[in-house]
Amino acid sequence: MDPGLEQFIAFLDRNKIRATYGAVADAAGVPHRSVGRLLGERCPRASWVVNAATGEPTGYSELAKHPDLHTRAEIITTGDDLIRRMKREK
């Protein structure tokens, strides 16, 4: 996983909440299309980043998805919201 995404993935994993690829891209300041590649190997920890239309991580098998992925219905959809939540947690 790219170190630039680590803080965002750690936050999502800690709070067991999904965020869209676009939200993570905007928060990290990277192109939307590069997020999947920057996440690296498909694994449960990276599966918190999801497609906005489906709410699912793109191309992940069921085994590669985090078992708590659907614990919360809420999905963070903007980079601003993701950053705001992270600041509140500190």
PDB file of N, CA and C in Angstrom:
ATOM      1  N   MET A   1       0.848  -1.181   0.000  1.00  0.00           N
ATOM      2  CA  MET A   1       0.000   0.000   0.000  1.00  0.00           C
ATOM      3  C   MET A   1       0.892   1.242   0.000  1.00  0.00           C
ATOM      4  N   ASP A   2       0.468   2.219  -0.773  1.00  0.00           N
ATOM      5  CA  ASP A   2       1.204   3.477  -0.829  1.00  0.00           C
ATOM      6  C   ASP A   2       1.135   4.175   0.527  1.00  0.00           C
ATOM      7  N   PRO A   3       2.266   4.638   1.046  1.00  0.00           N
ATOM      8  CA  PRO A   3       2.273   5.301   2.356  1.00  0.00           C
ATOM      9  C   PRO A   3       1.349   6.522   2.429  1.00  0.00           C
ATOM     10  N   GLY A   4       1.102   7.171   1.290  1.00  0.00           N
ATOM     11  CA  GLY A   4       0.229   8.330   1.267  1.00  0.00           C
ATOM     12  C   GLY A   4      -1.226   8.008   1.572  1.00  0.00           C
ATOM     13  N   LEU A   5      -1.611   6.756   1.408  1.00  0.00           N
ATOM     14  CA  LEU A   5      -2.991   6.340   1.694  1.00  0.00           C
ATOM     15  C   LEU A   5      -3.136   5.715   3.073  1.00  0.00           C
ATOM     16  N   GLU A   6      -2.033   5.368   3.692  1.00  0.00           N
ATOM     17  CA  GLU A   6      -2.056   4.611   4.952  1.00  0.00           C
ATOM     18  C   GLU A   6      -2.924   5.258   6.031  1.00  0.00           C
ATOM     19  N   GLN A   7      -2.790   6.561   6.247  1.00  0.00           N
ATOM     20  CA  GLN A   7      -3.560   7.216   7.315  1.00  0.00           C
ATOM     21  C   GLN A   7      -5.065   7.133   7.060  1.00  0.00           C
ATOM     22  N   PHE A   8      -5.462   7.189   5.799  1.00  0.00           N
ATOM     23  CA  PHE A   8      -6.886   7.135   5.467  1.00  0.00           C
ATOM     24  C   PHE A   8      -7.436   5.721   5.666  1.00  0.00           C
ATOM     25  N   ILE A   9      -6.674   4.736   5.222  1.00  0.00           N
ATOM     26  CA  ILE A   9      -7.102   3.345   5.382  1.00  0.00           C
ATOM     27  C   ILE A   9      -7.126   2.974   6.858  1.00  0.00           C
ATOM     28  N   ALA A  10      -6.149   3.429   7.612  1.00  0.00           N
ATOM     29  CA  ALA A  10      -6.118   3.150   9.056  1.00  0.00           C
ATOM     30  C   ALA A  10      -7.359   3.724   9.734  1.00  0.00           C
ATOM     31  N   PHE A  11      -7.748   4.948   9.358  1.00  0.00           N
ATOM     32  CA  PHE A  11      -8.946   5.571   9.930  1.00  0.00           C
ATOM     33  C   PHE A  11     -10.196   4.756   9.586  1.00  0.00           C
ATOM     34  N   LEU A  12     -10.344   4.388   8.319  1.00  0.00           N
ATOM     35  CA  LEU A  12     -11.522   3.626   7.892  1.00  0.00           C
ATOM     36  C   LEU A  12     -11.586   2.285   8.621  1.00  0.00           C
ATOM     37  N   ASP A  13     -10.455   1.621   8.720  1.00  0.00           N
ATOM     38  CA  ASP A  13     -10.401   0.320   9.383  1.00  0.00           C
ATOM     39  C   ASP A  13     -10.715   0.441  10.875  1.00  0.00           C
ATOM     40  N   ARG A  14     -10.163   1.429  11.523  1.00  0.00           N
ATOM     41  CA  ARG A  14     -10.403   1.649  12.956  1.00  0.00           C
ATOM     42  C   ARG A  14     -11.878   1.929  13.241  1.00  0.00           C
ATOM     43  N   ASN A  15     -12.498   2.691  12.353  1.00  0.00           N
ATOM     44  CA  ASN A  15     -13.888   3.106  12.552  1.00  0.00           C
ATOM     45  C   ASN A  15     -14.893   2.212  11.834  1.00  0.00           C
ATOM     46  N   LYS A  16     -14.386   1.222  11.129  1.00  0.00           N
ATOM     47  CA  LYS A  16     -15.227   0.267  10.400  1.00  0.00           C
ATOM     48  C   LYS A  16     -16.284   0.985   9.562  1.00  0.00           C
ATOM     49  N   ILE A  17     -15.780   1.886   8.720  1.00  0.00           N
ATOM     50  CA  ILE A  17     -16.651   2.645   7.828  1.00  0.00           C
ATOM     51  C   ILE A  17     -16.038   2.670   6.428  1.00  0.00           C
ATOM     52  N   ARG A  18     -16.898   2.593   5.431  1.00  0.00           N
ATOM     53  CA  ARG A  18     -16.444   2.621   4.044  1.00  0.00           C
ATOM     54  C   ARG A  18     -16.338   4.062   3.538  1.00  0.00           C
ATOM     55  N   ALA A  19     -15.485   4.252   2.547  1.00  0.00           N
ATOM     56  CA  ALA A  19     -15.368   5.530   1.839  1.00  0.00           C
ATOM     57  C   ALA A  19     -15.197   5.215   0.360  1.00  0.00           C
ATOM     58  N   THR A  20     -15.700   6.094  -0.484  1.00  0.00           N
ATOM     59  CA  THR A  20     -15.576   5.869  -1.917  1.00  0.00           C
ATOM     60  C   THR A  20     -14.143   6.112  -2.383  1.00  0.00           C
ATOM     61  N   TYR A  21     -13.818   5.522  -3.544  1.00  0.00           N
ATOM     62  CA  TYR A  21     -12.512   5.758  -4.153  1.00  0.00           C
ATOM     63  C   TYR A  21     -12.306   7.258  -4.347  1.00  0.00           C
ATOM     64  N   GLY A  22     -13.360   7.963  -4.776  1.00  0.00           N
ATOM     65  CA  GLY A  22     -13.267   9.406  -4.996  1.00  0.00           C
ATOM     66  C   GLY A  22     -12.978  10.175  -3.726  1.00  0.00           C
ATOM     67  N   ALA A  23     -13.622   9.796  -2.635  1.00  0.00           N
ATOM     68  CA  ALA A  23     -13.395  10.480  -1.356  1.00  0.00           C
ATOM     69  C   ALA A  23     -11.949  10.306  -0.906  1.00  0.00           C
ATOM     70  N   VAL A  24     -11.439   9.097  -1.011  1.00  0.00           N
ATOM     71  CA  VAL A  24     -10.053   8.832  -0.606  1.00  0.00           C
ATOM     72  C   VAL A  24      -9.090   9.572  -1.532  1.00  0.00           C
ATOM     73  N   ALA A  25      -9.374   9.562  -2.830  1.00  0.00           N
ATOM     74  CA  ALA A  25      -8.518  10.269  -3.786  1.00  0.00           C
ATOM     75  C   ALA A  25      -8.464  11.756  -3.473  1.00  0.00           C
ATOM     76  N   ASP A  26      -9.624  12.361  -3.246  1.00  0.00           N
ATOM     77  CA  ASP A  26      -9.664  13.795  -2.951  1.00  0.00           C
ATOM     78  C   ASP A  26      -8.937  14.119  -1.647  1.00  0.00           C
ATOM     79  N   ALA A  27      -9.151  13.302  -0.628  1.00  0.00           N
ATOM     80  CA  ALA A  27      -8.502  13.536   0.667  1.00  0.00           C
ATOM     81  C   ALA A  27      -6.981  13.391   0.561  1.00  0.00           C
ATOM     82  N   ALA A  28      -6.544  12.426  -0.238  1.00  0.00           N
ATOM     83  CA  ALA A  28      -5.105  12.160  -0.375  1.00  0.00           C
ATOM     84  C   ALA A  28      -4.441  13.038  -1.437  1.00  0.00           C
ATOM     85  N   GLY A  29      -5.259  13.713  -2.248  1.00  0.00           N
ATOM     86  CA  GLY A  29      -4.701  14.557  -3.303  1.00  0.00           C
ATOM     87  C   GLY A  29      -4.089  13.778  -4.446  1.00  0.00           C
ATOM     88  N   VAL A  30      -4.713  12.643  -4.785  1.00  0.00           N
ATOM     89  CA  VAL A  30      -4.229  11.822  -5.894  1.00  0.00           C
ATOM     90  C   VAL A  30      -5.352  11.666  -6.919  1.00  0.00           C
ATOM     91  N   PRO A  31      -5.019  11.324  -8.170  1.00  0.00           N
ATOM     92  CA  PRO A  31      -6.061  11.112  -9.175  1.00  0.00           C
ATOM     93  C   PRO A  31      -6.985   9.951  -8.777  1.00  0.00           C
ATOM     94  N   HIS A  32      -8.272  10.114  -9.041  1.00  0.00           N
ATOM     95  CA  HIS A  32      -9.251   9.081  -8.680  1.00  0.00           C
ATOM     96  C   HIS A  32      -8.881   7.719  -9.251  1.00  0.00           C
ATOM     97  N   ARG A  33      -8.439   7.705 -10.493  1.00  0.00           N
ATOM     98  CA  ARG A  33      -8.147   6.430 -11.162  1.00  0.00           C
ATOM     99  C   ARG A  33      -6.936   5.702 -10.573  1.00  0.00           C
ATOM    100  N   SER A  34      -6.128   6.395  -9.807  1.00  0.00           N
ATOM    101  CA  SER A  34      -4.912   5.763  -9.279  1.00  0.00           C
ATOM    102  C   SER A  34      -5.119   5.095  -7.919  1.00  0.00           C
ATOM    103  N   VAL A  35      -6.255   5.316  -7.275  1.00  0.00           N
ATOM    104  CA  VAL A  35      -6.452   4.813  -5.908  1.00  0.00           C
ATOM    105  C   VAL A  35      -6.345   3.290  -5.843  1.00  0.00           C
ATOM    106  N   GLY A  36      -7.003   2.582  -6.746  1.00  0.00           N
ATOM    107  CA  GLY A  36      -6.943   1.117  -6.733  1.00  0.00           C
ATOM    108  C   GLY A  36      -5.516   0.605  -6.801  1.00  0.00           C
ATOM    109  N   ARG A  37      -4.728   1.192  -7.690  1.00  0.00           N
ATOM    110  CA  ARG A  37      -3.327   0.785  -7.829  1.00  0.00           C
ATOM    111  C   ARG A  37      -2.535   1.123  -6.570  1.00  0.00           C
ATOM    112  N   LEU A  38      -2.795   2.302  -6.006  1.00  0.00           N
ATOM    113  CA  LEU A  38      -2.066   2.728  -4.807  1.00  0.00           C
ATOM    114  C   LEU A  38      -2.417   1.889  -3.577  1.00  0.00           C
ATOM    115  N   LEU A  39      -3.618   1.317  -3.574  1.00  0.00           N
ATOM    116  CA  LEU A  39      -4.002   0.446  -2.458  1.00  0.00           C
ATOM    117  C   LEU A  39      -3.204  -0.850  -2.460  1.00  0.00           C
ATOM    118  N   GLY A  40      -2.710  -1.231  -3.634  1.00  0.00           N
ATOM    119  CA  GLY A  40      -1.902  -2.442  -3.725  1.00  0.00           C
ATOM    120  C   GLY A  40      -2.754  -3.701  -3.761  1.00  0.00           C
ATOM    121  N   GLU A  41      -2.206  -4.761  -3.197  1.00  0.00           N
ATOM    122  CA  GLU A  41      -2.871  -6.064  -3.214  1.00  0.00           C
ATOM    123  C   GLU A  41      -4.239  -5.991  -2.538  1.00  0.00           C
ATOM    124  N   ARG A  42      -5.211  -6.643  -3.149  1.00  0.00           N
ATOM    125  CA  ARG A  42      -6.562  -6.660  -2.571  1.00  0.00           C
ATOM    126  C   ARG A  42      -6.550  -7.460  -1.274  1.00  0.00           C
ATOM    127  N   CYS A  43      -6.921  -6.788  -0.203  1.00  0.00           N
ATOM    128  CA  CYS A  43      -6.921  -7.425   1.110  1.00  0.00           C
ATOM    129  C   CYS A  43      -8.034  -6.804   1.950  1.00  0.00           C
ATOM    130  N   PRO A  44      -8.444  -7.471   3.029  1.00  0.00           N
ATOM    131  CA  PRO A  44      -9.541  -6.949   3.852  1.00  0.00           C
ATOM    132  C   PRO A  44      -9.336  -5.512   4.320  1.00  0.00           C
ATOM    133  N   ARG A  45      -8.137  -5.156   4.697  1.00  0.00           N
ATOM    134  CA  ARG A  45      -7.889  -3.808   5.220  1.00  0.00           C
ATOM    135  C   ARG A  45      -8.135  -2.736   4.159  1.00  0.00           C
ATOM    136  N   ALA A  46      -7.820  -3.036   2.910  1.00  0.00           N
ATOM    137  CA  ALA A  46      -8.012  -2.069   1.825  1.00  0.00           C
ATOM    138  C   ALA A  46      -9.440  -2.076   1.287  1.00  0.00           C
ATOM    139  N   SER A  47     -10.237  -3.050   1.689  1.00  0.00           N
ATOM    140  CA  SER A  47     -11.588  -3.185   1.127  1.00  0.00           C
ATOM    141  C   SER A  47     -12.574  -2.146   1.638  1.00  0.00           C
ATOM    142  N   TRP A  48     -12.150  -1.298   2.574  1.00  0.00           N
ATOM    143  CA  TRP A  48     -13.021  -0.217   3.064  1.00  0.00           C
ATOM    144  C   TRP A  48     -13.219   0.857   1.999  1.00  0.00           C
ATOM    145  N   VAL A  49     -12.389   0.850   0.972  1.00  0.00           N
ATOM    146  CA  VAL A  49     -12.518   1.813  -0.128  1.00  0.00           C
ATOM    147  C   VAL A  49     -13.390   1.163  -1.198  1.00  0.00           C
ATOM    148  N   VAL A  50     -14.505   1.832  -1.508  1.00  0.00           N
ATOM    149  CA  VAL A  50     -15.541   1.195  -2.332  1.00  0.00           C
ATOM    150  C   VAL A  50     -15.994   2.056  -3.506  1.00  0.00           C
ATOM    151  N   ASN A  51     -16.631   1.392  -4.446  1.00  0.00           N
ATOM    152  CA  ASN A  51     -17.255   2.041  -5.590  1.00  0.00           C
ATOM    153  C   ASN A  51     -18.490   2.796  -5.117  1.00  0.00           C
ATOM    154  N   ALA A  52     -18.653   4.033  -5.554  1.00  0.00           N
ATOM    155  CA  ALA A  52     -19.778   4.864  -5.107  1.00  0.00           C
ATOM    156  C   ALA A  52     -21.128   4.278  -5.515  1.00  0.00           C
ATOM    157  N   ALA A  53     -21.201   3.645  -6.668  1.00  0.00           N
ATOM    158  CA  ALA A  53     -22.474   3.121  -7.162  1.00  0.00           C
ATOM    159  C   ALA A  53     -22.890   1.825  -6.475  1.00  0.00           C
ATOM    160  N   THR A  54     -21.906   0.984  -6.141  1.00  0.00           N
ATOM    161  CA  THR A  54     -22.232  -0.341  -5.599  1.00  0.00           C
ATOM    162  C   THR A  54     -22.014  -0.468  -4.098  1.00  0.00           C
ATOM    163  N   GLY A  55     -21.171   0.393  -3.530  1.00  0.00           N
ATOM    164  CA  GLY A  55     -20.832   0.273  -2.112  1.00  0.00           C
ATOM    165  C   GLY A  55     -19.893  -0.888  -1.830  1.00  0.00           C
ATOM    166  N   GLU A  56     -19.320  -1.444  -2.886  1.00  0.00           N
ATOM    167  CA  GLU A  56     -18.420  -2.596  -2.772  1.00  0.00           C
ATOM    168  C   GLU A  56     -17.036  -2.229  -3.300  1.00  0.00           C
ATOM    169  N   PRO A  57     -15.991  -2.865  -2.762  1.00  0.00           N
ATOM    170  CA  PRO A  57     -14.657  -2.655  -3.317  1.00  0.00           C
ATOM    171  C   PRO A  57     -14.580  -3.328  -4.690  1.00  0.00           C
ATOM    172  N   THR A  58     -14.007  -2.660  -5.650  1.00  0.00           N
ATOM    173  CA  THR A  58     -13.976  -3.154  -7.023  1.00  0.00           C
ATOM    174  C   THR A  58     -13.019  -4.331  -7.183  1.00  0.00           C
ATOM    175  N   GLY A  59     -13.550  -5.433  -7.710  1.00  0.00           N
ATOM    176  CA  GLY A  59     -12.729  -6.586  -8.045  1.00  0.00           C
ATOM    177  C   GLY A  59     -12.311  -7.468  -6.887  1.00  0.00           C
ATOM    178  N   TYR A  60     -12.913  -7.300  -5.728  1.00  0.00           N
ATOM    179  CA  TYR A  60     -12.545  -8.091  -4.551  1.00  0.00           C
ATOM    180  C   TYR A  60     -13.391  -9.356  -4.457  1.00  0.00           C
ATOM    181  N   SER A  61     -12.746 -10.472  -4.146  1.00  0.00           N
ATOM    182  CA  SER A  61     -13.492 -11.694  -3.849  1.00  0.00           C
ATOM    183  C   SER A  61     -14.090 -11.541  -2.451  1.00  0.00           C
ATOM    184  N   GLU A  62     -15.032 -12.380  -2.123  1.00  0.00           N
ATOM    185  CA  GLU A  62     -15.636 -12.319  -0.781  1.00  0.00           C
ATOM    186  C   GLU A  62     -14.578 -12.528   0.305  1.00  0.00           C
ATOM    187  N   LEU A  63     -13.606 -13.393   0.041  1.00  0.00           N
ATOM    188  CA  LEU A  63     -12.551 -13.661   1.023  1.00  0.00           C
ATOM    189  C   LEU A  63     -11.623 -12.468   1.228  1.00  0.00           C
ATOM    190  N   ALA A  64     -11.511 -11.609   0.210  1.00  0.00           N
ATOM    191  CA  ALA A  64     -10.627 -10.449   0.313  1.00  0.00           C
ATOM    192  C   ALA A  64     -11.308  -9.256   0.982  1.00  0.00           C
ATOM    193  N   LYS A  65     -12.619  -9.347   1.194  1.00  0.00           N
ATOM    194  CA  LYS A  65     -13.358  -8.250   1.832  1.00  0.00           C
ATOM    195  C   LYS A  65     -13.291  -8.382   3.351  1.00  0.00           C
ATOM    196  N   HIS A  66     -13.263  -7.252   4.033  1.00  0.00           N
ATOM    197  CA  HIS A  66     -13.258  -7.258   5.494  1.00  0.00           C
ATOM    198  C   HIS A  66     -14.571  -7.860   5.986  1.00  0.00           C
ATOM    199  N   PRO A  67     -14.542  -8.738   6.991  1.00  0.00           N
ATOM    200  CA  PRO A  67     -15.783  -9.362   7.480  1.00  0.00           C
ATOM    201  C   PRO A  67     -16.790  -8.358   8.051  1.00  0.00           C
ATOM    202  N   ASP A  68     -16.322  -7.184   8.466  1.00  0.00           N
ATOM    203  CA  ASP A  68     -17.221  -6.161   9.024  1.00  0.00           C
ATOM    204  C   ASP A  68     -17.608  -5.092   8.006  1.00  0.00           C
ATOM    205  N   LEU A  69     -17.356  -5.350   6.733  1.00  0.00           N
ATOM    206  CA  LEU A  69     -17.556  -4.340   5.693  1.00  0.00           C
ATOM    207  C   LEU A  69     -18.961  -3.739   5.695  1.00  0.00           C
ATOM    208  N   HIS A  70     -19.958  -4.543   6.002  1.00  0.00           N
ATOM    209  CA  HIS A  70     -21.344  -4.064   5.942  1.00  0.00           C
ATOM    210  C   HIS A  70     -21.955  -3.844   7.321  1.00  0.00           C
ATOM    211  N   THR A  71     -21.116  -3.710   8.343  1.00  0.00           N
ATOM    212  CA  THR A  71     -21.605  -3.442   9.696  1.00  0.00           C
ATOM    213  C   THR A  71     -22.351  -2.118   9.741  1.00  0.00           C
ATOM    214  N   ARG A  72     -21.829  -1.124   9.033  1.00  0.00           N
ATOM    215  CA  ARG A  72     -22.464   0.201   8.964  1.00  0.00           C
ATOM    216  C   ARG A  72     -22.928   0.451   7.534  1.00  0.00           C
ATOM    217  N   ALA A  73     -24.120   1.010   7.398  1.00  0.00           N
ATOM    218  CA  ALA A  73     -24.644   1.324   6.068  1.00  0.00           C
ATOM    219  C   ALA A  73     -24.004   2.586   5.491  1.00  0.00           C
ATOM    220  N   GLU A  74     -23.525   3.447   6.373  1.00  0.00           N
ATOM    221  CA  GLU A  74     -22.982   4.741   5.957  1.00  0.00           C
ATOM    222  C   GLU A  74     -21.697   4.587   5.143  1.00  0.00           C
ATOM    223  N   ILE A  75     -21.569   5.436   4.115  1.00  0.00           N
ATOM    224  CA  ILE A  75     -20.369   5.477   3.285  1.00  0.00           C
ATOM    225  C   ILE A  75     -19.936   6.935   3.157  1.00  0.00           C
ATOM    226  N   ILE A  76     -18.678   7.213   3.424  1.00  0.00           N
ATOM    227  CA  ILE A  76     -18.136   8.565   3.259  1.00  0.00           C
ATOM    228  C   ILE A  76     -17.950   8.805   1.766  1.00  0.00           C
ATOM    229  N   THR A  77     -18.521   9.900   1.265  1.00  0.00           N
ATOM    230  CA  THR A  77     -18.514  10.130  -0.181  1.00  0.00           C
ATOM    231  C   THR A  77     -17.692  11.329  -0.636  1.00  0.00           C
ATOM    232  N   THR A  78     -17.170  12.106   0.289  1.00  0.00           N
ATOM    233  CA  THR A  78     -16.345  13.254  -0.126  1.00  0.00           C
ATOM    234  C   THR A  78     -15.035  13.282   0.654  1.00  0.00           C
ATOM    235  N   GLY A  79     -14.029  13.820   0.002  1.00  0.00           N
ATOM    236  CA  GLY A  79     -12.744  13.969   0.673  1.00  0.00           C
ATOM    237  C   GLY A  79     -12.828  14.903   1.862  1.00  0.00           C
ATOM    238  N   ASP A  80     -13.614  15.969   1.729  1.00  0.00           N
ATOM    239  CA  ASP A  80     -13.774  16.917   2.840  1.00  0.00           C
ATOM    240  C   ASP A  80     -14.365  16.236   4.069  1.00  0.00           C
ATOM    241  N   ASP A  81     -15.370  15.395   3.852  1.00  0.00           N
ATOM    242  CA  ASP A  81     -16.000  14.688   4.975  1.00  0.00           C
ATOM    243  C   ASP A  81     -15.006  13.736   5.633  1.00  0.00           C
ATOM    244  N   LEU A  82     -14.231  13.031   4.829  1.00  0.00           N
ATOM    245  CA  LEU A  82     -13.234  12.104   5.370  1.00  0.00           C
ATOM    246  C   LEU A  82     -12.207  12.859   6.215  1.00  0.00           C
ATOM    247  N   ILE A  83     -11.700  13.952   5.698  1.00  0.00           N
ATOM    248  CA  ILE A  83     -10.710  14.745   6.441  1.00  0.00           C
ATOM    249  C   ILE A  83     -11.316  15.310   7.723  1.00  0.00           C
ATOM    250  N   ARG A  84     -12.534  15.815   7.643  1.00  0.00           N
ATOM    251  CA  ARG A  84     -13.216  16.378   8.825  1.00  0.00           C
ATOM    252  C   ARG A  84     -13.361  15.318   9.921  1.00  0.00           C
ATOM    253  N   ARG A  85     -13.763  14.127   9.549  1.00  0.00           N
ATOM    254  CA  ARG A  85     -13.929  13.046  10.532  1.00  0.00           C
ATOM    255  C   ARG A  85     -12.593  12.655  11.154  1.00  0.00           C
ATOM    256  N   MET A  86     -11.555  12.643  10.337  1.00  0.00           N
ATOM    257  CA  MET A  86     -10.236  12.293  10.856  1.00  0.00           C
ATOM    258  C   MET A  86      -9.749  13.343  11.849  1.00  0.00           C
ATOM    259  N   LYS A  87      -9.994  14.597  11.563  1.00  0.00           N
ATOM    260  CA  LYS A  87      -9.584  15.670  12.481  1.00  0.00           C
ATOM    261  C   LYS A  87     -10.354  15.590  13.789  1.00  0.00           C
ATOM    262  N   ARG A  88     -11.629  15.254  13.715  1.00  0.00           N
ATOM    263  CA  ARG A  88     -12.455  15.125  14.925  1.00  0.00           C
ATOM    264  C   ARG A  88     -11.963  14.002  15.816  1.00  0.00           C
ATOM    265  N   GLU A  89     -11.417  12.970  15.213  1.00  0.00           N
ATOM    266  CA  GLU A  89     -10.951  11.807  15.974  1.00  0.00           C
ATOM    267  C   GLU A  89      -9.713  12.137  16.807  1.00  0.00           C
ATOM    268  N   LYS A  90      -8.928  13.090  16.373  1.00  0.00           N
ATOM    269  CA  LYS A  90      -7.658  13.403  17.061  1.00  0.00           C
ATOM    270  C   LYS A  90      -7.858  13.991  18.418  1.00  0.00           C
TER     271      LYS A  90
END
